[in-house]
Amino acid sequence: MEIHKSTKFLGIYAVASILLRLLPHAPNIAPIGALALFAGARGKSKWGLALPLLAMAISDLFIGLYDLRLMAVVYGSFLVMGMLGRAIRKSVSAENIVIMSIVGSALFFLATNTAVWAFSPWYAKNIGGLLESLVMGLPFWRNSLIGDLSYGALFFGAYALAGCITYANKFIYNKANAKI
């Protein structure tokens, strides 16, 4: 039984995502959001949506765990990013990847910063405290957006390039065999 190309790429991207989270990097510039979007858009099974969560869980075991309520919001946000990927499954394009990366990153920012406001003692439990939490999170959102867009370009771009190379090889092979 041959493993589908997208499944191979998902496996490679998941391992790379774990390793990249463990290496030193700027806060929130990580590949998990892009992995979730790719898994949703290109994964052959709904179970593929669990792969980014598994990559997060494995790397979190090494990085360290934190408030379970906040972790639930973080993991849930990545699940939503996977569902955004599923929404563009039949129309994967550079434009849709960029749009869904921005939407996913914005939803992640709003959900996680609202959760930090709600579950931590750091901010007053009023609209001013929520706004302060959101403002304090803006640099992290910028970094998340950089990570989602750059890793998304890398993941989707490498997958598309592999498809072009495969097509070109088949074309060349067929042309060569036709002359024999």
N, C-alpha and C. Protein backbone atom coordinates (compact mmCIF):
# COMPACT_ATOMS: atom_id res chain seq x y z
N MET A 1 0.85 -1.18 0.00
CA MET A 1 0.00 0.00 0.00
C MET A 1 0.89 1.24 0.00
N GLU A 2 0.67 2.11 -0.96
CA GLU A 2 1.47 3.33 -1.06
C GLU A 2 0.87 4.42 -0.17
N ILE A 3 1.74 5.13 0.50
CA ILE A 3 1.32 6.25 1.36
C ILE A 3 1.14 7.47 0.46
N HIS A 4 0.01 8.16 0.62
CA HIS A 4 -0.28 9.34 -0.19
C HIS A 4 0.76 10.44 0.07
N LYS A 5 1.05 11.21 -0.97
CA LYS A 5 2.05 12.27 -0.89
C LYS A 5 1.75 13.25 0.26
N SER A 6 0.49 13.65 0.42
CA SER A 6 0.18 14.62 1.46
C SER A 6 0.42 14.04 2.86
N THR A 7 0.21 12.73 3.01
CA THR A 7 0.46 12.09 4.31
C THR A 7 1.94 12.09 4.62
N LYS A 8 2.77 11.85 3.61
CA LYS A 8 4.23 11.91 3.80
C LYS A 8 4.64 13.32 4.22
N PHE A 9 4.12 14.32 3.52
CA PHE A 9 4.47 15.70 3.85
C PHE A 9 3.99 16.06 5.25
N LEU A 10 2.79 15.63 5.62
CA LEU A 10 2.28 15.92 6.97
C LEU A 10 3.20 15.32 8.03
N GLY A 11 3.66 14.10 7.81
CA GLY A 11 4.58 13.48 8.77
C GLY A 11 5.88 14.25 8.89
N ILE A 12 6.45 14.62 7.76
CA ILE A 12 7.70 15.40 7.77
C ILE A 12 7.47 16.74 8.45
N TYR A 13 6.39 17.42 8.10
CA TYR A 13 6.10 18.73 8.69
C TYR A 13 5.84 18.63 10.19
N ALA A 14 5.19 17.57 10.64
CA ALA A 14 4.92 17.40 12.07
C ALA A 14 6.22 17.22 12.85
N VAL A 15 7.10 16.37 12.34
CA VAL A 15 8.40 16.16 13.02
C VAL A 15 9.19 17.47 13.00
N ALA A 16 9.22 18.15 11.86
CA ALA A 16 9.93 19.42 11.78
C ALA A 16 9.34 20.45 12.75
N SER A 17 8.01 20.45 12.88
CA SER A 17 7.35 21.41 13.78
C SER A 17 7.73 21.16 15.23
N ILE A 18 7.80 19.90 15.61
CA ILE A 18 8.23 19.56 16.98
C ILE A 18 9.64 20.06 17.21
N LEU A 19 10.54 19.74 16.29
CA LEU A 19 11.94 20.14 16.45
C LEU A 19 12.10 21.65 16.45
N LEU A 20 11.38 22.33 15.57
CA LEU A 20 11.48 23.79 15.50
C LEU A 20 10.96 24.47 16.77
N ARG A 21 9.95 23.88 17.39
CA ARG A 21 9.47 24.44 18.67
C ARG A 21 10.49 24.26 19.78
N LEU A 22 11.31 23.20 19.68
CA LEU A 22 12.29 22.93 20.73
C LEU A 22 13.56 23.76 20.57
N LEU A 23 13.82 24.22 19.35
CA LEU A 23 15.00 25.06 19.11
C LEU A 23 14.71 26.49 19.54
N PRO A 24 15.75 27.24 19.90
CA PRO A 24 15.52 28.65 20.26
C PRO A 24 14.90 29.42 19.08
N HIS A 25 13.90 30.21 19.38
CA HIS A 25 13.23 31.03 18.36
C HIS A 25 12.53 32.20 19.03
N ALA A 26 12.19 33.20 18.24
CA ALA A 26 11.44 34.34 18.77
C ALA A 26 10.09 33.86 19.28
N PRO A 27 9.56 34.46 20.33
CA PRO A 27 8.26 34.03 20.87
C PRO A 27 7.18 34.02 19.79
N ASN A 28 6.48 32.92 19.71
CA ASN A 28 5.32 32.71 18.83
C ASN A 28 5.65 32.58 17.34
N ILE A 29 6.90 32.63 16.96
CA ILE A 29 7.23 32.34 15.56
C ILE A 29 7.48 30.84 15.51
N ALA A 30 6.40 30.12 15.27
CA ALA A 30 6.43 28.66 15.31
C ALA A 30 5.57 28.12 14.16
N PRO A 31 5.80 26.87 13.76
CA PRO A 31 5.11 26.32 12.60
C PRO A 31 3.76 25.64 12.87
N ILE A 32 3.30 25.59 14.11
CA ILE A 32 2.10 24.80 14.42
C ILE A 32 0.85 25.32 13.71
N GLY A 33 0.67 26.63 13.65
CA GLY A 33 -0.49 27.19 12.95
C GLY A 33 -0.49 26.82 11.48
N ALA A 34 0.67 26.93 10.84
CA ALA A 34 0.79 26.55 9.43
C ALA A 34 0.58 25.05 9.25
N LEU A 35 1.09 24.26 10.18
CA LEU A 35 0.88 22.81 10.13
C LEU A 35 -0.62 22.50 10.20
N ALA A 36 -1.32 23.19 11.09
CA ALA A 36 -2.77 22.96 11.24
C ALA A 36 -3.51 23.33 9.95
N LEU A 37 -3.16 24.47 9.37
CA LEU A 37 -3.80 24.90 8.13
C LEU A 37 -3.52 23.90 7.00
N PHE A 38 -2.26 23.47 6.90
CA PHE A 38 -1.88 22.49 5.87
C PHE A 38 -2.60 21.17 6.09
N ALA A 39 -2.66 20.72 7.34
CA ALA A 39 -3.32 19.45 7.65
C ALA A 39 -4.79 19.50 7.25
N GLY A 40 -5.43 20.62 7.51
CA GLY A 40 -6.83 20.75 7.12
C GLY A 40 -7.03 20.81 5.62
N ALA A 41 -6.15 21.53 4.94
CA ALA A 41 -6.31 21.73 3.50
C ALA A 41 -5.87 20.53 2.69
N ARG A 42 -4.81 19.85 3.12
CA ARG A 42 -4.22 18.80 2.30
C ARG A 42 -4.30 17.40 2.91
N GLY A 43 -4.64 17.31 4.19
CA GLY A 43 -4.74 16.00 4.81
C GLY A 43 -5.86 15.18 4.20
N LYS A 44 -5.65 13.88 4.09
CA LYS A 44 -6.64 13.01 3.45
C LYS A 44 -7.69 12.50 4.43
N SER A 45 -7.54 12.81 5.70
CA SER A 45 -8.46 12.31 6.72
C SER A 45 -8.74 13.41 7.73
N LYS A 46 -9.91 13.34 8.34
CA LYS A 46 -10.22 14.29 9.41
C LYS A 46 -9.29 14.09 10.60
N TRP A 47 -8.72 12.88 10.69
CA TRP A 47 -7.78 12.62 11.79
C TRP A 47 -6.51 13.45 11.64
N GLY A 48 -6.26 13.92 10.43
CA GLY A 48 -5.10 14.78 10.21
C GLY A 48 -5.17 16.06 11.04
N LEU A 49 -6.37 16.46 11.40
CA LEU A 49 -6.54 17.66 12.23
C LEU A 49 -5.93 17.46 13.62
N ALA A 50 -5.80 16.21 14.03
CA ALA A 50 -5.22 15.92 15.34
C ALA A 50 -3.69 15.98 15.31
N LEU A 51 -3.09 15.89 14.14
CA LEU A 51 -1.63 15.86 14.04
C LEU A 51 -0.96 17.11 14.61
N PRO A 52 -1.43 18.32 14.29
CA PRO A 52 -0.82 19.51 14.91
C PRO A 52 -0.96 19.51 16.44
N LEU A 53 -2.08 19.00 16.92
CA LEU A 53 -2.28 18.94 18.37
C LEU A 53 -1.32 17.94 19.00
N LEU A 54 -1.07 16.85 18.31
CA LEU A 54 -0.10 15.86 18.79
C LEU A 54 1.31 16.46 18.78
N ALA A 55 1.64 17.19 17.72
CA ALA A 55 2.95 17.85 17.65
C ALA A 55 3.11 18.85 18.80
N MET A 56 2.04 19.59 19.08
CA MET A 56 2.07 20.54 20.21
C MET A 56 2.27 19.80 21.52
N ALA A 57 1.52 18.73 21.72
CA ALA A 57 1.58 17.98 22.98
C ALA A 57 2.98 17.40 23.20
N ILE A 58 3.56 16.84 22.15
CA ILE A 58 4.90 16.25 22.29
C ILE A 58 5.91 17.34 22.64
N SER A 59 5.86 18.45 21.92
CA SER A 59 6.84 19.52 22.21
C SER A 59 6.55 20.18 23.56
N ASP A 60 5.27 20.28 23.94
CA ASP A 60 4.94 20.85 25.26
C ASP A 60 5.49 20.00 26.41
N LEU A 61 5.60 18.70 26.19
CA LEU A 61 6.18 17.83 27.23
C LEU A 61 7.62 18.22 27.53
N PHE A 62 8.32 18.71 26.51
CA PHE A 62 9.71 19.13 26.68
C PHE A 62 9.82 20.60 27.10
N ILE A 63 8.97 21.43 26.54
CA ILE A 63 9.02 22.87 26.83
C ILE A 63 8.45 23.15 28.22
N GLY A 64 7.38 22.45 28.54
CA GLY A 64 6.72 22.65 29.83
C GLY A 64 5.23 22.87 29.64
N LEU A 65 4.48 22.36 30.59
CA LEU A 65 3.03 22.51 30.57
C LEU A 65 2.66 23.78 31.33
N TYR A 66 1.43 24.23 31.15
CA TYR A 66 0.96 25.45 31.80
C TYR A 66 -0.51 25.28 32.14
N ASP A 67 -1.16 26.33 32.56
CA ASP A 67 -2.56 26.29 32.97
C ASP A 67 -3.40 25.49 31.97
N LEU A 68 -4.05 24.45 32.45
CA LEU A 68 -4.81 23.56 31.55
C LEU A 68 -5.94 24.29 30.82
N ARG A 69 -6.53 25.29 31.46
CA ARG A 69 -7.59 26.04 30.78
C ARG A 69 -7.02 26.81 29.59
N LEU A 70 -5.87 27.42 29.80
CA LEU A 70 -5.21 28.16 28.73
C LEU A 70 -4.73 27.20 27.63
N MET A 71 -4.20 26.05 28.04
CA MET A 71 -3.78 25.04 27.06
C MET A 71 -4.96 24.60 26.20
N ALA A 72 -6.13 24.44 26.82
CA ALA A 72 -7.31 24.02 26.06
C ALA A 72 -7.67 25.07 25.00
N VAL A 73 -7.53 26.34 25.34
CA VAL A 73 -7.82 27.41 24.38
C VAL A 73 -6.78 27.40 23.26
N VAL A 74 -5.50 27.24 23.62
CA VAL A 74 -4.43 27.19 22.61
C VAL A 74 -4.66 26.03 21.65
N TYR A 75 -4.88 24.84 22.19
CA TYR A 75 -5.08 23.65 21.35
C TYR A 75 -6.36 23.79 20.53
N GLY A 76 -7.41 24.33 21.14
CA GLY A 76 -8.66 24.55 20.41
C GLY A 76 -8.48 25.54 19.27
N SER A 77 -7.65 26.54 19.49
CA SER A 77 -7.38 27.52 18.43
C SER A 77 -6.68 26.87 17.25
N PHE A 78 -5.76 25.94 17.54
CA PHE A 78 -5.10 25.24 16.44
C PHE A 78 -6.06 24.29 15.72
N LEU A 79 -6.99 23.74 16.43
CA LEU A 79 -8.02 22.91 15.80
C LEU A 79 -8.87 23.77 14.86
N VAL A 80 -9.19 24.98 15.29
CA VAL A 80 -9.94 25.91 14.43
C VAL A 80 -9.13 26.22 13.18
N MET A 81 -7.81 26.41 13.33
CA MET A 81 -6.98 26.67 12.15
C MET A 81 -7.03 25.48 11.18
N GLY A 82 -7.07 24.28 11.72
CA GLY A 82 -7.21 23.11 10.86
C GLY A 82 -8.53 23.13 10.11
N MET A 83 -9.59 23.56 10.80
CA MET A 83 -10.90 23.64 10.14
C MET A 83 -10.92 24.74 9.08
N LEU A 84 -10.17 25.81 9.31
CA LEU A 84 -10.03 26.83 8.26
C LEU A 84 -9.36 26.22 7.03
N GLY A 85 -8.38 25.36 7.26
CA GLY A 85 -7.74 24.66 6.15
C GLY A 85 -8.74 23.78 5.41
N ARG A 86 -9.60 23.11 6.15
CA ARG A 86 -10.62 22.27 5.50
C ARG A 86 -11.58 23.11 4.66
N ALA A 87 -11.79 24.35 5.09
CA ALA A 87 -12.69 25.23 4.34
C ALA A 87 -12.14 25.58 2.96
N ILE A 88 -10.82 25.54 2.79
CA ILE A 88 -10.23 25.86 1.48
C ILE A 88 -9.74 24.62 0.73
N ARG A 89 -10.07 23.46 1.23
CA ARG A 89 -9.63 22.19 0.62
C ARG A 89 -9.82 22.11 -0.88
N LYS A 90 -10.96 22.56 -1.35
CA LYS A 90 -11.28 22.45 -2.78
C LYS A 90 -10.82 23.66 -3.57
N SER A 91 -10.29 24.65 -2.89
CA SER A 91 -9.83 25.86 -3.59
C SER A 91 -8.55 26.38 -2.95
N VAL A 92 -7.55 25.51 -2.84
CA VAL A 92 -6.27 25.92 -2.26
C VAL A 92 -5.56 26.81 -3.28
N SER A 93 -5.29 28.03 -2.86
CA SER A 93 -4.56 28.99 -3.70
C SER A 93 -3.72 29.84 -2.76
N ALA A 94 -2.75 30.54 -3.32
CA ALA A 94 -1.91 31.41 -2.50
C ALA A 94 -2.78 32.44 -1.77
N GLU A 95 -3.75 32.99 -2.47
CA GLU A 95 -4.64 33.98 -1.86
C GLU A 95 -5.41 33.39 -0.68
N ASN A 96 -5.99 32.22 -0.86
CA ASN A 96 -6.77 31.59 0.23
C ASN A 96 -5.87 31.18 1.39
N ILE A 97 -4.66 30.74 1.10
CA ILE A 97 -3.72 30.38 2.17
C ILE A 97 -3.38 31.61 3.00
N VAL A 98 -3.11 32.73 2.33
CA VAL A 98 -2.78 33.97 3.04
C VAL A 98 -3.98 34.44 3.86
N ILE A 99 -5.16 34.44 3.25
CA ILE A 99 -6.37 34.89 3.97
C ILE A 99 -6.61 34.04 5.21
N MET A 100 -6.58 32.72 5.04
CA MET A 100 -6.85 31.84 6.18
C MET A 100 -5.74 31.90 7.22
N SER A 101 -4.51 32.15 6.81
CA SER A 101 -3.42 32.33 7.77
C SER A 101 -3.67 33.57 8.63
N ILE A 102 -4.10 34.64 7.99
CA ILE A 102 -4.39 35.89 8.72
C ILE A 102 -5.59 35.70 9.64
N VAL A 103 -6.66 35.09 9.11
CA VAL A 103 -7.86 34.85 9.92
C VAL A 103 -7.52 33.95 11.11
N GLY A 104 -6.81 32.85 10.84
CA GLY A 104 -6.44 31.92 11.90
C GLY A 104 -5.57 32.57 12.96
N SER A 105 -4.61 33.36 12.51
CA SER A 105 -3.72 34.05 13.44
C SER A 105 -4.50 35.05 14.30
N ALA A 106 -5.43 35.76 13.67
CA ALA A 106 -6.25 36.73 14.41
C ALA A 106 -7.14 36.02 15.44
N LEU A 107 -7.75 34.91 15.03
CA LEU A 107 -8.59 34.16 15.97
C LEU A 107 -7.76 33.61 17.13
N PHE A 108 -6.57 33.10 16.82
CA PHE A 108 -5.67 32.60 17.86
C PHE A 108 -5.31 33.73 18.84
N PHE A 109 -4.97 34.88 18.31
CA PHE A 109 -4.64 36.05 19.14
C PHE A 109 -5.80 36.42 20.06
N LEU A 110 -7.00 36.56 19.48
CA LEU A 110 -8.16 36.97 20.27
C LEU A 110 -8.51 35.92 21.32
N ALA A 111 -8.51 34.66 20.94
CA ALA A 111 -8.88 33.59 21.87
C ALA A 111 -7.87 33.45 23.00
N THR A 112 -6.59 33.41 22.67
CA THR A 112 -5.58 33.16 23.71
C THR A 112 -5.40 34.36 24.62
N ASN A 113 -5.47 35.57 24.08
CA ASN A 113 -5.32 36.74 24.94
C ASN A 113 -6.54 36.96 25.81
N THR A 114 -7.71 36.60 25.29
CA THR A 114 -8.92 36.66 26.12
C THR A 114 -8.83 35.62 27.23
N ALA A 115 -8.28 34.45 26.91
CA ALA A 115 -8.12 33.41 27.93
C ALA A 115 -7.12 33.83 29.00
N VAL A 116 -6.02 34.45 28.58
CA VAL A 116 -5.04 34.94 29.56
C VAL A 116 -5.71 35.96 30.48
N TRP A 117 -6.50 36.86 29.92
CA TRP A 117 -7.22 37.84 30.72
C TRP A 117 -8.19 37.14 31.68
N ALA A 118 -8.91 36.16 31.20
CA ALA A 118 -9.94 35.50 32.01
C ALA A 118 -9.35 34.60 33.09
N PHE A 119 -8.24 33.91 32.78
CA PHE A 119 -7.76 32.86 33.68
C PHE A 119 -6.54 33.25 34.53
N SER A 120 -5.94 34.39 34.25
CA SER A 120 -4.76 34.76 35.02
C SER A 120 -5.08 35.94 35.95
N PRO A 121 -4.26 36.14 36.96
CA PRO A 121 -4.47 37.28 37.86
C PRO A 121 -3.81 38.56 37.35
N TRP A 122 -3.26 38.54 36.16
CA TRP A 122 -2.46 39.65 35.65
C TRP A 122 -3.26 40.88 35.25
N TYR A 123 -4.54 40.69 34.92
CA TYR A 123 -5.34 41.80 34.39
C TYR A 123 -6.64 41.93 35.17
N ALA A 124 -7.09 43.18 35.30
CA ALA A 124 -8.37 43.44 35.96
C ALA A 124 -9.48 42.76 35.16
N LYS A 125 -10.46 42.26 35.85
CA LYS A 125 -11.57 41.55 35.19
C LYS A 125 -12.66 42.53 34.77
N ASN A 126 -12.27 43.46 33.91
CA ASN A 126 -13.20 44.41 33.33
C ASN A 126 -12.74 44.70 31.90
N ILE A 127 -13.47 45.55 31.20
CA ILE A 127 -13.15 45.82 29.80
C ILE A 127 -11.75 46.44 29.66
N GLY A 128 -11.36 47.25 30.63
CA GLY A 128 -10.02 47.83 30.61
C GLY A 128 -8.94 46.75 30.72
N GLY A 129 -9.16 45.78 31.57
CA GLY A 129 -8.21 44.68 31.71
C GLY A 129 -8.12 43.84 30.44
N LEU A 130 -9.28 43.60 29.81
CA LEU A 130 -9.29 42.84 28.56
C LEU A 130 -8.53 43.61 27.48
N LEU A 131 -8.80 44.90 27.37
CA LEU A 131 -8.09 45.70 26.37
C LEU A 131 -6.59 45.73 26.64
N GLU A 132 -6.21 45.81 27.91
CA GLU A 132 -4.79 45.79 28.25
C GLU A 132 -4.16 44.46 27.84
N SER A 133 -4.86 43.37 28.08
CA SER A 133 -4.36 42.05 27.69
C SER A 133 -4.17 41.98 26.18
N LEU A 134 -5.14 42.50 25.45
CA LEU A 134 -5.04 42.48 23.98
C LEU A 134 -3.88 43.35 23.49
N VAL A 135 -3.73 44.52 24.06
CA VAL A 135 -2.63 45.42 23.66
C VAL A 135 -1.29 44.79 23.99
N MET A 136 -1.17 44.19 25.16
CA MET A 136 0.09 43.55 25.56
C MET A 136 0.41 42.35 24.66
N GLY A 137 -0.60 41.77 24.07
CA GLY A 137 -0.39 40.61 23.20
C GLY A 137 -0.05 40.95 21.77
N LEU A 138 -0.15 42.23 21.38
CA LEU A 138 0.09 42.59 19.98
C LEU A 138 1.45 42.16 19.44
N PRO A 139 2.55 42.33 20.20
CA PRO A 139 3.84 41.85 19.66
C PRO A 139 3.85 40.34 19.41
N PHE A 140 3.14 39.59 20.23
CA PHE A 140 3.07 38.14 20.04
C PHE A 140 2.22 37.80 18.81
N TRP A 141 1.17 38.61 18.58
CA TRP A 141 0.36 38.39 17.38
C TRP A 141 1.18 38.65 16.13
N ARG A 142 1.96 39.73 16.15
CA ARG A 142 2.83 40.02 15.00
C ARG A 142 3.71 38.81 14.71
N ASN A 143 4.31 38.24 15.76
CA ASN A 143 5.19 37.09 15.58
C ASN A 143 4.42 35.86 15.11
N SER A 144 3.22 35.65 15.64
CA SER A 144 2.39 34.52 15.19
C SER A 144 2.06 34.66 13.71
N LEU A 145 1.74 35.86 13.31
CA LEU A 145 1.41 36.11 11.91
C LEU A 145 2.62 35.86 11.01
N ILE A 146 3.78 36.31 11.46
CA ILE A 146 5.03 36.04 10.71
C ILE A 146 5.24 34.53 10.58
N GLY A 147 5.09 33.81 11.68
CA GLY A 147 5.27 32.36 11.67
C GLY A 147 4.25 31.66 10.79
N ASP A 148 2.98 32.03 10.93
CA ASP A 148 1.92 31.38 10.15
C ASP A 148 2.11 31.63 8.65
N LEU A 149 2.43 32.86 8.29
CA LEU A 149 2.60 33.17 6.86
C LEU A 149 3.87 32.55 6.28
N SER A 150 4.97 32.63 7.02
CA SER A 150 6.23 32.12 6.46
C SER A 150 6.25 30.59 6.44
N TYR A 151 5.84 29.95 7.52
CA TYR A 151 5.79 28.49 7.51
C TYR A 151 4.70 27.99 6.57
N GLY A 152 3.60 28.73 6.46
CA GLY A 152 2.56 28.35 5.51
C GLY A 152 3.08 28.39 4.08
N ALA A 153 3.83 29.45 3.74
CA ALA A 153 4.42 29.53 2.40
C ALA A 153 5.38 28.37 2.17
N LEU A 154 6.17 28.05 3.19
CA LEU A 154 7.12 26.95 3.07
C LEU A 154 6.40 25.61 2.91
N PHE A 155 5.42 25.32 3.77
CA PHE A 155 4.73 24.03 3.73
C PHE A 155 3.94 23.84 2.44
N PHE A 156 3.10 24.83 2.10
CA PHE A 156 2.30 24.70 0.89
C PHE A 156 3.18 24.81 -0.35
N GLY A 157 4.19 25.67 -0.30
CA GLY A 157 5.07 25.84 -1.45
C GLY A 157 5.88 24.59 -1.76
N ALA A 158 6.45 23.96 -0.73
CA ALA A 158 7.23 22.73 -0.94
C ALA A 158 6.33 21.63 -1.48
N TYR A 159 5.10 21.56 -0.98
CA TYR A 159 4.16 20.54 -1.44
C TYR A 159 3.82 20.77 -2.93
N ALA A 160 3.56 22.02 -3.29
CA ALA A 160 3.25 22.34 -4.69
C ALA A 160 4.46 22.08 -5.59
N LEU A 161 5.64 22.44 -5.12
CA LEU A 161 6.86 22.20 -5.90
C LEU A 161 7.07 20.71 -6.13
N ALA A 162 6.84 19.91 -5.11
CA ALA A 162 6.97 18.45 -5.25
C ALA A 162 5.97 17.93 -6.29
N GLY A 163 4.78 18.50 -6.32
CA GLY A 163 3.79 18.10 -7.33
C GLY A 163 4.24 18.47 -8.73
N CYS A 164 4.84 19.64 -8.88
CA CYS A 164 5.34 20.07 -10.20
C CYS A 164 6.49 19.17 -10.65
N ILE A 165 7.39 18.85 -9.74
CA ILE A 165 8.53 17.99 -10.09
C ILE A 165 8.04 16.60 -10.48
N THR A 166 7.08 16.08 -9.73
CA THR A 166 6.52 14.76 -10.05
C THR A 166 5.87 14.78 -11.43
N TYR A 167 5.10 15.82 -11.72
CA TYR A 167 4.45 15.95 -13.02
C TYR A 167 5.49 16.04 -14.14
N ALA A 168 6.52 16.86 -13.94
CA ALA A 168 7.57 17.03 -14.95
C ALA A 168 8.30 15.71 -15.19
N ASN A 169 8.59 14.99 -14.13
CA ASN A 169 9.28 13.70 -14.28
C ASN A 169 8.42 12.71 -15.07
N LYS A 170 7.14 12.65 -14.79
CA LYS A 170 6.24 11.76 -15.52
C LYS A 170 6.17 12.16 -16.99
N PHE A 171 6.11 13.47 -17.24
CA PHE A 171 6.04 13.97 -18.61
C PHE A 171 7.32 13.59 -19.37
N ILE A 172 8.47 13.82 -18.77
CA ILE A 172 9.75 13.49 -19.40
C ILE A 172 9.86 11.99 -19.62
N TYR A 173 9.47 11.20 -18.64
CA TYR A 173 9.52 9.75 -18.74
C TYR A 173 8.63 9.25 -19.88
N ASN A 174 7.42 9.79 -19.96
CA ASN A 174 6.49 9.39 -21.01
C ASN A 174 7.00 9.78 -22.39
N LYS A 175 7.59 10.97 -22.51
CA LYS A 175 8.15 11.43 -23.78
C LYS A 175 9.30 10.52 -24.20
N ALA A 176 10.18 10.19 -23.24
CA ALA A 176 11.34 9.33 -23.54
C ALA A 176 10.88 7.95 -23.97
N ASN A 177 9.88 7.39 -23.32
CA ASN A 177 9.38 6.06 -23.64
C ASN A 177 8.62 6.05 -24.98
N ALA A 178 8.01 7.17 -25.35
CA ALA A 178 7.26 7.25 -26.59
C ALA A 178 8.22 7.17 -27.79
N LYS A 179 9.46 7.63 -27.62
CA LYS A 179 10.43 7.62 -28.71
C LYS A 179 11.09 6.26 -28.90
N ILE A 180 10.96 5.40 -27.91
CA ILE A 180 11.63 4.08 -27.99
C ILE A 180 10.84 3.12 -28.84
